[in-house]
Amino acid sequence: MTLTVCAEILTDGSIKAFPYEPLANCTFVIVSNDDYNLISSRSNLQFDIDAAFYAEITGYLLLSFVSGHVLGRIVKGLGKA
């Protein structure tokens, strides 16, 4: 049996269920064990990285690598002088 109920946390910390409240108006939802297992089994925790984000991160990494390399060469050159 599946059961999903709206819930609210009261000021004293207790939880009050509102069984006739539409789920669209809920801040918190109490779900049954069957529903929880169904939700958790379907969540495969994969995410997509779009090309623009990948290019931006790769650009920052390349810039930091090159600038660090150049700075290292400058420090090495100053150390020999």
PDB file of N, CA and C in Angstrom:
ATOM      1  N   MET A   1       0.840  -1.177   0.000  1.00  0.00           N
ATOM      2  CA  MET A   1       0.000   0.000   0.000  1.00  0.00           C
ATOM      3  C   MET A   1       0.886   1.241   0.000  1.00  0.00           C
ATOM      4  N   THR A   2       0.613   2.139  -0.889  1.00  0.00           N
ATOM      5  CA  THR A   2       1.385   3.373  -0.935  1.00  0.00           C
ATOM      6  C   THR A   2       0.595   4.485  -0.274  1.00  0.00           C
ATOM      7  N   LEU A   3       1.319   5.329   0.426  1.00  0.00           N
ATOM      8  CA  LEU A   3       0.690   6.420   1.148  1.00  0.00           C
ATOM      9  C   LEU A   3       1.620   7.618   1.098  1.00  0.00           C
ATOM     10  N   THR A   4       1.114   8.732   0.622  1.00  0.00           N
ATOM     11  CA  THR A   4       1.881   9.965   0.593  1.00  0.00           C
ATOM     12  C   THR A   4       1.024  11.054   1.205  1.00  0.00           C
ATOM     13  N   VAL A   5       1.574  11.737   2.206  1.00  0.00           N
ATOM     14  CA  VAL A   5       0.805  12.707   2.973  1.00  0.00           C
ATOM     15  C   VAL A   5       1.627  13.980   3.143  1.00  0.00           C
ATOM     16  N   CYS A   6       0.967  15.135   3.057  1.00  0.00           N
ATOM     17  CA  CYS A   6       1.624  16.404   3.365  1.00  0.00           C
ATOM     18  C   CYS A   6       1.927  16.465   4.856  1.00  0.00           C
ATOM     19  N   ALA A   7       3.017  17.118   5.182  1.00  0.00           N
ATOM     20  CA  ALA A   7       3.396  17.255   6.580  1.00  0.00           C
ATOM     21  C   ALA A   7       3.910  18.659   6.831  1.00  0.00           C
ATOM     22  N   GLU A   8       3.842  19.052   8.089  1.00  0.00           N
ATOM     23  CA  GLU A   8       4.355  20.356   8.497  1.00  0.00           C
ATOM     24  C   GLU A   8       5.061  20.181   9.830  1.00  0.00           C
ATOM     25  N   ILE A   9       6.180  20.865   9.990  1.00  0.00           N
ATOM     26  CA  ILE A   9       6.896  20.828  11.263  1.00  0.00           C
ATOM     27  C   ILE A   9       6.415  22.015  12.086  1.00  0.00           C
ATOM     28  N   LEU A  10       5.864  21.725  13.245  1.00  0.00           N
ATOM     29  CA  LEU A  10       5.314  22.767  14.106  1.00  0.00           C
ATOM     30  C   LEU A  10       6.428  23.437  14.905  1.00  0.00           C
ATOM     31  N   THR A  11       6.089  24.531  15.577  1.00  0.00           N
ATOM     32  CA  THR A  11       7.095  25.303  16.313  1.00  0.00           C
ATOM     33  C   THR A  11       7.698  24.523  17.474  1.00  0.00           C
ATOM     34  N   ASP A  12       6.961  23.570  18.027  1.00  0.00           N
ATOM     35  CA  ASP A  12       7.509  22.769  19.125  1.00  0.00           C
ATOM     36  C   ASP A  12       8.330  21.585  18.631  1.00  0.00           C
ATOM     37  N   GLY A  13       8.499  21.461  17.300  1.00  0.00           N
ATOM     38  CA  GLY A  13       9.327  20.401  16.732  1.00  0.00           C
ATOM     39  C   GLY A  13       8.568  19.161  16.329  1.00  0.00           C
ATOM     40  N   SER A  14       7.287  19.108  16.638  1.00  0.00           N
ATOM     41  CA  SER A  14       6.510  17.931  16.256  1.00  0.00           C
ATOM     42  C   SER A  14       6.076  18.040  14.793  1.00  0.00           C
ATOM     43  N   ILE A  15       5.711  16.907  14.234  1.00  0.00           N
ATOM     44  CA  ILE A  15       5.293  16.837  12.835  1.00  0.00           C
ATOM     45  C   ILE A  15       3.793  16.587  12.796  1.00  0.00           C
ATOM     46  N   LYS A  16       3.090  17.386  12.006  1.00  0.00           N
ATOM     47  CA  LYS A  16       1.649  17.222  11.857  1.00  0.00           C
ATOM     48  C   LYS A  16       1.360  16.856  10.413  1.00  0.00           C
ATOM     49  N   ALA A  17       0.570  15.813  10.217  1.00  0.00           N
ATOM     50  CA  ALA A  17       0.203  15.356   8.878  1.00  0.00           C
ATOM     51  C   ALA A  17      -1.093  16.021   8.444  1.00  0.00           C
ATOM     52  N   PHE A  18      -1.158  16.361   7.144  1.00  0.00           N
ATOM     53  CA  PHE A  18      -2.357  16.927   6.541  1.00  0.00           C
ATOM     54  C   PHE A  18      -2.762  16.014   5.393  1.00  0.00           C
ATOM     55  N   PRO A  19      -3.572  14.971   5.669  1.00  0.00           N
ATOM     56  CA  PRO A  19      -3.858  13.960   4.644  1.00  0.00           C
ATOM     57  C   PRO A  19      -4.700  14.463   3.475  1.00  0.00           C
ATOM     58  N   TYR A  20      -5.444  15.546   3.638  1.00  0.00           N
ATOM     59  CA  TYR A  20      -6.317  16.009   2.561  1.00  0.00           C
ATOM     60  C   TYR A  20      -5.745  17.213   1.820  1.00  0.00           C
ATOM     61  N   GLU A  21      -4.545  17.629   2.176  1.00  0.00           N
ATOM     62  CA  GLU A  21      -3.886  18.761   1.503  1.00  0.00           C
ATOM     63  C   GLU A  21      -3.308  18.282   0.176  1.00  0.00           C
ATOM     64  N   PRO A  22      -3.487  19.048  -0.913  1.00  0.00           N
ATOM     65  CA  PRO A  22      -2.878  18.651  -2.196  1.00  0.00           C
ATOM     66  C   PRO A  22      -1.352  18.647  -2.097  1.00  0.00           C
ATOM     67  N   LEU A  23      -0.727  17.693  -2.750  1.00  0.00           N
ATOM     68  CA  LEU A  23       0.727  17.560  -2.670  1.00  0.00           C
ATOM     69  C   LEU A  23       1.451  18.746  -3.298  1.00  0.00           C
ATOM     70  N   ALA A  24       0.798  19.471  -4.192  1.00  0.00           N
ATOM     71  CA  ALA A  24       1.434  20.627  -4.825  1.00  0.00           C
ATOM     72  C   ALA A  24       1.685  21.750  -3.821  1.00  0.00           C
ATOM     73  N   ASN A  25       0.937  21.780  -2.728  1.00  0.00           N
ATOM     74  CA  ASN A  25       1.072  22.840  -1.723  1.00  0.00           C
ATOM     75  C   ASN A  25       1.984  22.445  -0.569  1.00  0.00           C
ATOM     76  N   CYS A  26       2.612  21.292  -0.638  1.00  0.00           N
ATOM     77  CA  CYS A  26       3.380  20.765   0.491  1.00  0.00           C
ATOM     78  C   CYS A  26       4.812  21.282   0.514  1.00  0.00           C
ATOM     79  N   THR A  27       5.287  21.548   1.715  1.00  0.00           N
ATOM     80  CA  THR A  27       6.703  21.819   1.917  1.00  0.00           C
ATOM     81  C   THR A  27       7.421  20.511   2.215  1.00  0.00           C
ATOM     82  N   PHE A  28       6.812  19.677   3.029  1.00  0.00           N
ATOM     83  CA  PHE A  28       7.357  18.369   3.379  1.00  0.00           C
ATOM     84  C   PHE A  28       6.333  17.293   3.037  1.00  0.00           C
ATOM     85  N   VAL A  29       6.831  16.112   2.692  1.00  0.00           N
ATOM     86  CA  VAL A  29       5.960  14.998   2.333  1.00  0.00           C
ATOM     87  C   VAL A  29       6.418  13.764   3.096  1.00  0.00           C
ATOM     88  N   ILE A  30       5.459  13.049   3.654  1.00  0.00           N
ATOM     89  CA  ILE A  30       5.738  11.764   4.290  1.00  0.00           C
ATOM     90  C   ILE A  30       5.353  10.686   3.288  1.00  0.00           C
ATOM     91  N   VAL A  31       6.292   9.803   2.969  1.00  0.00           N
ATOM     92  CA  VAL A  31       6.022   8.740   2.004  1.00  0.00           C
ATOM     93  C   VAL A  31       6.089   7.388   2.697  1.00  0.00           C
ATOM     94  N   SER A  32       5.433   6.420   2.097  1.00  0.00           N
ATOM     95  CA  SER A  32       5.464   5.066   2.641  1.00  0.00           C
ATOM     96  C   SER A  32       6.797   4.410   2.308  1.00  0.00           C
ATOM     97  N   ASN A  33       7.064   3.309   2.958  1.00  0.00           N
ATOM     98  CA  ASN A  33       8.301   2.570   2.720  1.00  0.00           C
ATOM     99  C   ASN A  33       8.369   2.078   1.275  1.00  0.00           C
ATOM    100  N   ASP A  34       7.246   1.632   0.726  1.00  0.00           N
ATOM    101  CA  ASP A  34       7.218   1.176  -0.672  1.00  0.00           C
ATOM    102  C   ASP A  34       7.568   2.310  -1.634  1.00  0.00           C
ATOM    103  N   ASP A  35       6.986   3.491  -1.395  1.00  0.00           N
ATOM    104  CA  ASP A  35       7.290   4.643  -2.251  1.00  0.00           C
ATOM    105  C   ASP A  35       8.753   5.051  -2.131  1.00  0.00           C
ATOM    106  N   TYR A  36       9.269   5.036  -0.908  1.00  0.00           N
ATOM    107  CA  TYR A  36      10.676   5.397  -0.709  1.00  0.00           C
ATOM    108  C   TYR A  36      11.591   4.430  -1.446  1.00  0.00           C
ATOM    109  N   ASN A  37      11.317   3.144  -1.341  1.00  0.00           N
ATOM    110  CA  ASN A  37      12.144   2.156  -2.042  1.00  0.00           C
ATOM    111  C   ASN A  37      12.061   2.332  -3.557  1.00  0.00           C
ATOM    112  N   LEU A  38      10.889   2.658  -4.064  1.00  0.00           N
ATOM    113  CA  LEU A  38      10.723   2.893  -5.496  1.00  0.00           C
ATOM    114  C   LEU A  38      11.503   4.125  -5.945  1.00  0.00           C
ATOM    115  N   ILE A  39      11.428   5.192  -5.171  1.00  0.00           N
ATOM    116  CA  ILE A  39      12.153   6.422  -5.508  1.00  0.00           C
ATOM    117  C   ILE A  39      13.654   6.190  -5.447  1.00  0.00           C
ATOM    118  N   SER A  40      14.118   5.534  -4.396  1.00  0.00           N
ATOM    119  CA  SER A  40      15.565   5.342  -4.246  1.00  0.00           C
ATOM    120  C   SER A  40      16.120   4.357  -5.265  1.00  0.00           C
ATOM    121  N   SER A  41      15.324   3.397  -5.708  1.00  0.00           N
ATOM    122  CA  SER A  41      15.825   2.448  -6.704  1.00  0.00           C
ATOM    123  C   SER A  41      15.882   3.072  -8.092  1.00  0.00           C
ATOM    124  N   ARG A  42      15.048   4.054  -8.352  1.00  0.00           N
ATOM    125  CA  ARG A  42      15.038   4.707  -9.666  1.00  0.00           C
ATOM    126  C   ARG A  42      16.046   5.846  -9.769  1.00  0.00           C
ATOM    127  N   SER A  43      16.575   6.298  -8.647  1.00  0.00           N
ATOM    128  CA  SER A  43      17.546   7.395  -8.711  1.00  0.00           C
ATOM    129  C   SER A  43      18.919   6.805  -8.990  1.00  0.00           C
ATOM    130  N   ASN A  44      19.421   7.042 -10.180  1.00  0.00           N
ATOM    131  CA  ASN A  44      20.707   6.473 -10.565  1.00  0.00           C
ATOM    132  C   ASN A  44      21.852   7.448 -10.334  1.00  0.00           C
ATOM    133  N   LEU A  45      21.563   8.631  -9.798  1.00  0.00           N
ATOM    134  CA  LEU A  45      22.558   9.619  -9.407  1.00  0.00           C
ATOM    135  C   LEU A  45      23.540   9.958 -10.520  1.00  0.00           C
ATOM    136  N   GLN A  46      23.075  10.019 -11.737  1.00  0.00           N
ATOM    137  CA  GLN A  46      23.907  10.445 -12.851  1.00  0.00           C
ATOM    138  C   GLN A  46      23.574  11.889 -13.171  1.00  0.00           C
ATOM    139  N   PHE A  47      24.559  12.609 -13.636  1.00  0.00           N
ATOM    140  CA  PHE A  47      24.329  13.978 -14.041  1.00  0.00           C
ATOM    141  C   PHE A  47      25.080  14.238 -15.333  1.00  0.00           C
ATOM    142  N   ASP A  48      24.599  15.190 -16.079  1.00  0.00           N
ATOM    143  CA  ASP A  48      25.194  15.528 -17.368  1.00  0.00           C
ATOM    144  C   ASP A  48      25.987  16.818 -17.241  1.00  0.00           C
ATOM    145  N   ILE A  49      27.154  16.837 -17.851  1.00  0.00           N
ATOM    146  CA  ILE A  49      27.970  18.038 -17.915  1.00  0.00           C
ATOM    147  C   ILE A  49      27.873  18.554 -19.338  1.00  0.00           C
ATOM    148  N   ASP A  50      27.366  19.752 -19.491  1.00  0.00           N
ATOM    149  CA  ASP A  50      27.224  20.292 -20.841  1.00  0.00           C
ATOM    150  C   ASP A  50      28.576  20.755 -21.376  1.00  0.00           C
ATOM    151  N   ALA A  51      28.647  20.930 -22.681  1.00  0.00           N
ATOM    152  CA  ALA A  51      29.910  21.235 -23.359  1.00  0.00           C
ATOM    153  C   ALA A  51      30.464  22.589 -22.937  1.00  0.00           C
ATOM    154  N   ALA A  52      29.611  23.574 -22.729  1.00  0.00           N
ATOM    155  CA  ALA A  52      30.083  24.906 -22.346  1.00  0.00           C
ATOM    156  C   ALA A  52      30.741  24.878 -20.966  1.00  0.00           C
ATOM    157  N   PHE A  53      30.136  24.178 -20.034  1.00  0.00           N
ATOM    158  CA  PHE A  53      30.708  24.065 -18.690  1.00  0.00           C
ATOM    159  C   PHE A  53      32.038  23.321 -18.736  1.00  0.00           C
ATOM    160  N   TYR A  54      32.099  22.249 -19.499  1.00  0.00           N
ATOM    161  CA  TYR A  54      33.336  21.479 -19.636  1.00  0.00           C
ATOM    162  C   TYR A  54      34.438  22.335 -20.255  1.00  0.00           C
ATOM    163  N   ALA A  55      34.105  23.104 -21.275  1.00  0.00           N
ATOM    164  CA  ALA A  55      35.096  23.962 -21.931  1.00  0.00           C
ATOM    165  C   ALA A  55      35.593  25.044 -20.982  1.00  0.00           C
ATOM    166  N   GLU A  56      34.706  25.604 -20.188  1.00  0.00           N
ATOM    167  CA  GLU A  56      35.103  26.647 -19.242  1.00  0.00           C
ATOM    168  C   GLU A  56      36.051  26.096 -18.178  1.00  0.00           C
ATOM    169  N   ILE A  57      35.712  24.964 -17.602  1.00  0.00           N
ATOM    170  CA  ILE A  57      36.570  24.362 -16.576  1.00  0.00           C
ATOM    171  C   ILE A  57      37.910  23.956 -17.169  1.00  0.00           C
ATOM    172  N   THR A  58      37.895  23.371 -18.349  1.00  0.00           N
ATOM    173  CA  THR A  58      39.143  22.981 -19.010  1.00  0.00           C
ATOM    174  C   THR A  58      40.001  24.207 -19.301  1.00  0.00           C
ATOM    175  N   GLY A  59      39.387  25.297 -19.709  1.00  0.00           N
ATOM    176  CA  GLY A  59      40.120  26.537 -19.961  1.00  0.00           C
ATOM    177  C   GLY A  59      40.782  27.072 -18.713  1.00  0.00           C
ATOM    178  N   TYR A  60      40.055  27.068 -17.597  1.00  0.00           N
ATOM    179  CA  TYR A  60      40.639  27.533 -16.336  1.00  0.00           C
ATOM    180  C   TYR A  60      41.796  26.641 -15.899  1.00  0.00           C
ATOM    181  N   LEU A  61      41.646  25.343 -16.049  1.00  0.00           N
ATOM    182  CA  LEU A  61      42.731  24.431 -15.673  1.00  0.00           C
ATOM    183  C   LEU A  61      43.955  24.634 -16.554  1.00  0.00           C
ATOM    184  N   LEU A  62      43.747  24.800 -17.842  1.00  0.00           N
ATOM    185  CA  LEU A  62      44.859  25.036 -18.756  1.00  0.00           C
ATOM    186  C   LEU A  62      45.544  26.364 -18.447  1.00  0.00           C
ATOM    187  N   LEU A  63      44.768  27.401 -18.177  1.00  0.00           N
ATOM    188  CA  LEU A  63      45.331  28.703 -17.833  1.00  0.00           C
ATOM    189  C   LEU A  63      46.160  28.627 -16.553  1.00  0.00           C
ATOM    190  N   SER A  64      45.660  27.941 -15.535  1.00  0.00           N
ATOM    191  CA  SER A  64      46.417  27.828 -14.285  1.00  0.00           C
ATOM    192  C   SER A  64      47.674  26.993 -14.478  1.00  0.00           C
ATOM    193  N   PHE A  65      47.629  25.963 -15.310  1.00  0.00           N
ATOM    194  CA  PHE A  65      48.812  25.150 -15.578  1.00  0.00           C
ATOM    195  C   PHE A  65      49.884  25.973 -16.284  1.00  0.00           C
ATOM    196  N   VAL A  66      49.489  26.689 -17.332  1.00  0.00           N
ATOM    197  CA  VAL A  66      50.459  27.474 -18.109  1.00  0.00           C
ATOM    198  C   VAL A  66      51.029  28.609 -17.268  1.00  0.00           C
ATOM    199  N   SER A  67      50.174  29.327 -16.536  1.00  0.00           N
ATOM    200  CA  SER A  67      50.677  30.433 -15.717  1.00  0.00           C
ATOM    201  C   SER A  67      51.580  29.924 -14.600  1.00  0.00           C
ATOM    202  N   GLY A  68      51.270  28.787 -14.010  1.00  0.00           N
ATOM    203  CA  GLY A  68      52.147  28.199 -12.998  1.00  0.00           C
ATOM    204  C   GLY A  68      53.476  27.773 -13.582  1.00  0.00           C
ATOM    205  N   HIS A  69      53.448  27.233 -14.780  1.00  0.00           N
ATOM    206  CA  HIS A  69      54.681  26.816 -15.448  1.00  0.00           C
ATOM    207  C   HIS A  69      55.561  28.032 -15.751  1.00  0.00           C
ATOM    208  N   VAL A  70      54.954  29.094 -16.274  1.00  0.00           N
ATOM    209  CA  VAL A  70      55.708  30.317 -16.583  1.00  0.00           C
ATOM    210  C   VAL A  70      56.262  30.933 -15.307  1.00  0.00           C
ATOM    211  N   LEU A  71      55.466  31.006 -14.265  1.00  0.00           N
ATOM    212  CA  LEU A  71      55.935  31.549 -12.993  1.00  0.00           C
ATOM    213  C   LEU A  71      57.079  30.713 -12.429  1.00  0.00           C
ATOM    214  N   GLY A  72      56.984  29.406 -12.555  1.00  0.00           N
ATOM    215  CA  GLY A  72      58.075  28.540 -12.101  1.00  0.00           C
ATOM    216  C   GLY A  72      59.358  28.785 -12.869  1.00  0.00           C
ATOM    217  N   ARG A  73      59.257  28.993 -14.168  1.00  0.00           N
ATOM    218  CA  ARG A  73      60.446  29.303 -14.983  1.00  0.00           C
ATOM    219  C   ARG A  73      61.058  30.638 -14.573  1.00  0.00           C
ATOM    220  N   ILE A  74      60.215  31.629 -14.283  1.00  0.00           N
ATOM    221  CA  ILE A  74      60.717  32.941 -13.860  1.00  0.00           C
ATOM    222  C   ILE A  74      61.438  32.825 -12.523  1.00  0.00           C
ATOM    223  N   VAL A  75      60.837  32.126 -11.568  1.00  0.00           N
ATOM    224  CA  VAL A  75      61.461  31.949 -10.254  1.00  0.00           C
ATOM    225  C   VAL A  75      62.763  31.172 -10.389  1.00  0.00           C
ATOM    226  N   LYS A  76      62.780  30.159 -11.217  1.00  0.00           N
ATOM    227  CA  LYS A  76      64.000  29.384 -11.446  1.00  0.00           C
ATOM    228  C   LYS A  76      65.087  30.265 -12.061  1.00  0.00           C
ATOM    229  N   GLY A  77      64.697  31.117 -13.018  1.00  0.00           N
ATOM    230  CA  GLY A  77      65.657  32.032 -13.644  1.00  0.00           C
ATOM    231  C   GLY A  77      66.198  33.053 -12.664  1.00  0.00           C
ATOM    232  N   LEU A  78      65.352  33.553 -11.777  1.00  0.00           N
ATOM    233  CA  LEU A  78      65.811  34.521 -10.777  1.00  0.00           C
ATOM    234  C   LEU A  78      66.704  33.861  -9.732  1.00  0.00           C
ATOM    235  N   GLY A  79      66.492  32.586  -9.484  1.00  0.00           N
ATOM    236  CA  GLY A  79      67.319  31.875  -8.517  1.00  0.00           C
ATOM    237  C   GLY A  79      68.738  31.663  -9.009  1.00  0.00           C
ATOM    238  N   LYS A  80      68.930  31.568 -10.306  1.00  0.00           N
ATOM    239  CA  LYS A  80      70.259  31.357 -10.876  1.00  0.00           C
ATOM    240  C   LYS A  80      71.035  32.662 -10.997  1.00  0.00           C
ATOM    241  N   ALA A  81      70.345  33.791 -10.961  1.00  0.00           N
ATOM    242  CA  ALA A  81      71.023  35.082 -11.171  1.00  0.00           C
ATOM    243  C   ALA A  81      71.815  35.530  -9.969  1.00  0.00           C
TER     244      ALA A  81
END
